[in-house]
Amino acid sequence: MAKSDSVGEVTHWYDKIGVAVIKLKKGLKIGDSIKVKHGDDEFGDSINSMQLNHEPVESGKKGDEVAIKLSQKAREGSEIHLA
């Protein structure tokens, strides 16, 4: 996968609640399937909820920092790709 396929990057991980904050490089919306990639580690997930400034939203656009719940741990610096 080329770096240009990246939709965003994890800037913060909240371990207790399983939520990643992602700085978006492209649009992302609820229902999208994603891959979370960090080095050789990778897992797939789907976006079931998203928040912007602690408010539920249906989608985020380039430049937004959105919070999404993930099924597995993501690390800061992990790349988010559309699956």
C-alpha atoms as a PDB file:
ATOM      1  CA  MET A   1       0.000   0.000   0.000  1.00  0.00           C
ATOM      2  CA  ALA A   2       1.403   3.371  -0.976  1.00  0.00           C
ATOM      3  CA  LYS A   3       1.569   6.166   1.553  1.00  0.00           C
ATOM      4  CA  SER A   4      -0.767   8.246  -0.638  1.00  0.00           C
ATOM      5  CA  ASP A   5      -3.588   5.745   0.088  1.00  0.00           C
ATOM      6  CA  SER A   6      -3.648   7.024   3.655  1.00  0.00           C
ATOM      7  CA  VAL A   7      -6.914   8.638   4.771  1.00  0.00           C
ATOM      8  CA  GLY A   8      -5.399   9.882   8.023  1.00  0.00           C
ATOM      9  CA  GLU A   9      -3.102   9.259  10.932  1.00  0.00           C
ATOM     10  CA  VAL A  10      -3.761   8.403  14.574  1.00  0.00           C
ATOM     11  CA  THR A  11      -2.670  11.371  16.694  1.00  0.00           C
ATOM     12  CA  HIS A  12      -3.937  10.039  20.036  1.00  0.00           C
ATOM     13  CA  TRP A  13      -5.131   6.734  21.495  1.00  0.00           C
ATOM     14  CA  TYR A  14      -7.463   6.479  24.508  1.00  0.00           C
ATOM     15  CA  ASP A  15      -6.788   2.981  25.836  1.00  0.00           C
ATOM     16  CA  LYS A  16      -9.585   2.777  28.437  1.00  0.00           C
ATOM     17  CA  ILE A  17     -12.343   3.590  25.944  1.00  0.00           C
ATOM     18  CA  GLY A  18     -10.756   2.149  22.779  1.00  0.00           C
ATOM     19  CA  VAL A  19     -10.953   5.397  20.842  1.00  0.00           C
ATOM     20  CA  ALA A  20      -8.477   6.781  18.308  1.00  0.00           C
ATOM     21  CA  VAL A  21      -8.228  10.440  17.335  1.00  0.00           C
ATOM     22  CA  ILE A  22      -7.443  10.688  13.639  1.00  0.00           C
ATOM     23  CA  LYS A  23      -6.169  13.705  11.729  1.00  0.00           C
ATOM     24  CA  LEU A  24      -7.882  13.304   8.354  1.00  0.00           C
ATOM     25  CA  LYS A  25      -6.110  13.765   5.010  1.00  0.00           C
ATOM     26  CA  LYS A  26      -9.276  12.773   3.118  1.00  0.00           C
ATOM     27  CA  GLY A  27     -12.968  12.407   3.885  1.00  0.00           C
ATOM     28  CA  LEU A  28     -14.190   9.530   6.049  1.00  0.00           C
ATOM     29  CA  LYS A  29     -17.744   8.565   6.991  1.00  0.00           C
ATOM     30  CA  ILE A  30     -19.719   6.193   9.174  1.00  0.00           C
ATOM     31  CA  GLY A  31     -20.024   2.830   7.447  1.00  0.00           C
ATOM     32  CA  ASP A  32     -16.568   3.012   5.822  1.00  0.00           C
ATOM     33  CA  SER A  33     -14.332  -0.040   6.150  1.00  0.00           C
ATOM     34  CA  ILE A  34     -10.790   0.831   7.160  1.00  0.00           C
ATOM     35  CA  LYS A  35      -7.408  -0.754   7.724  1.00  0.00           C
ATOM     36  CA  VAL A  36      -5.257   0.444  10.620  1.00  0.00           C
ATOM     37  CA  LYS A  37      -1.565  -0.008   9.799  1.00  0.00           C
ATOM     38  CA  HIS A  38       1.484   0.484  12.018  1.00  0.00           C
ATOM     39  CA  GLY A  39       4.686  -1.013  10.630  1.00  0.00           C
ATOM     40  CA  ASP A  40       3.935  -4.674   9.921  1.00  0.00           C
ATOM     41  CA  ASP A  41       0.877  -4.691  12.205  1.00  0.00           C
ATOM     42  CA  GLU A  42      -2.449  -4.266  10.468  1.00  0.00           C
ATOM     43  CA  PHE A  43      -6.114  -4.890  11.251  1.00  0.00           C
ATOM     44  CA  GLY A  44      -9.423  -4.130   9.603  1.00  0.00           C
ATOM     45  CA  ASP A  45     -12.362  -2.384  11.216  1.00  0.00           C
ATOM     46  CA  SER A  46     -15.482  -0.501  10.267  1.00  0.00           C
ATOM     47  CA  ILE A  47     -16.563   2.912  11.453  1.00  0.00           C
ATOM     48  CA  ASN A  48     -19.727   2.693  13.522  1.00  0.00           C
ATOM     49  CA  SER A  49     -19.456   6.013  15.354  1.00  0.00           C
ATOM     50  CA  MET A  50     -17.524   9.215  14.882  1.00  0.00           C
ATOM     51  CA  GLN A  51     -17.202  12.398  16.909  1.00  0.00           C
ATOM     52  CA  LEU A  52     -15.902  15.843  16.073  1.00  0.00           C
ATOM     53  CA  ASN A  53     -15.384  18.212  19.035  1.00  0.00           C
ATOM     54  CA  HIS A  54     -17.212  15.687  21.282  1.00  0.00           C
ATOM     55  CA  GLU A  55     -20.330  15.845  19.061  1.00  0.00           C
ATOM     56  CA  PRO A  56     -21.558  12.838  17.032  1.00  0.00           C
ATOM     57  CA  VAL A  57     -21.103  13.360  13.268  1.00  0.00           C
ATOM     58  CA  GLU A  58     -21.814  11.250  10.164  1.00  0.00           C
ATOM     59  CA  SER A  59     -18.565  12.149   8.405  1.00  0.00           C
ATOM     60  CA  GLY A  60     -15.315  14.063   8.641  1.00  0.00           C
ATOM     61  CA  LYS A  61     -13.416  15.982   5.968  1.00  0.00           C
ATOM     62  CA  LYS A  62      -9.778  16.708   5.208  1.00  0.00           C
ATOM     63  CA  GLY A  63      -8.189  18.611   8.096  1.00  0.00           C
ATOM     64  CA  ASP A  64     -10.701  17.453  10.729  1.00  0.00           C
ATOM     65  CA  GLU A  65      -9.574  15.574  13.827  1.00  0.00           C
ATOM     66  CA  VAL A  66     -12.225  12.955  14.474  1.00  0.00           C
ATOM     67  CA  ALA A  67     -12.533  10.362  17.218  1.00  0.00           C
ATOM     68  CA  ILE A  68     -13.555   6.833  16.227  1.00  0.00           C
ATOM     69  CA  LYS A  69     -14.034   3.685  18.300  1.00  0.00           C
ATOM     70  CA  LEU A  70     -11.876   0.745  17.211  1.00  0.00           C
ATOM     71  CA  SER A  71     -12.085  -2.961  18.035  1.00  0.00           C
ATOM     72  CA  GLN A  72      -8.320  -3.235  18.586  1.00  0.00           C
ATOM     73  CA  LYS A  73      -5.560  -1.048  19.961  1.00  0.00           C
ATOM     74  CA  ALA A  74      -4.138   1.565  17.596  1.00  0.00           C
ATOM     75  CA  ARG A  75      -0.888   3.367  18.287  1.00  0.00           C
ATOM     76  CA  GLU A  76      -0.071   7.011  17.726  1.00  0.00           C
ATOM     77  CA  GLY A  77       1.380   7.326  14.241  1.00  0.00           C
ATOM     78  CA  SER A  78      -0.721   4.449  12.859  1.00  0.00           C
ATOM     79  CA  GLU A  79      -1.997   5.096   9.355  1.00  0.00           C
ATOM     80  CA  ILE A  80      -5.659   4.732   8.457  1.00  0.00           C
ATOM     81  CA  HIS A  81      -6.517   3.451   4.973  1.00  0.00           C
ATOM     82  CA  LEU A  82      -9.836   2.716   3.302  1.00  0.00           C
ATOM     83  CA  ALA A  83     -10.237  -1.052   2.992  1.00  0.00           C
END
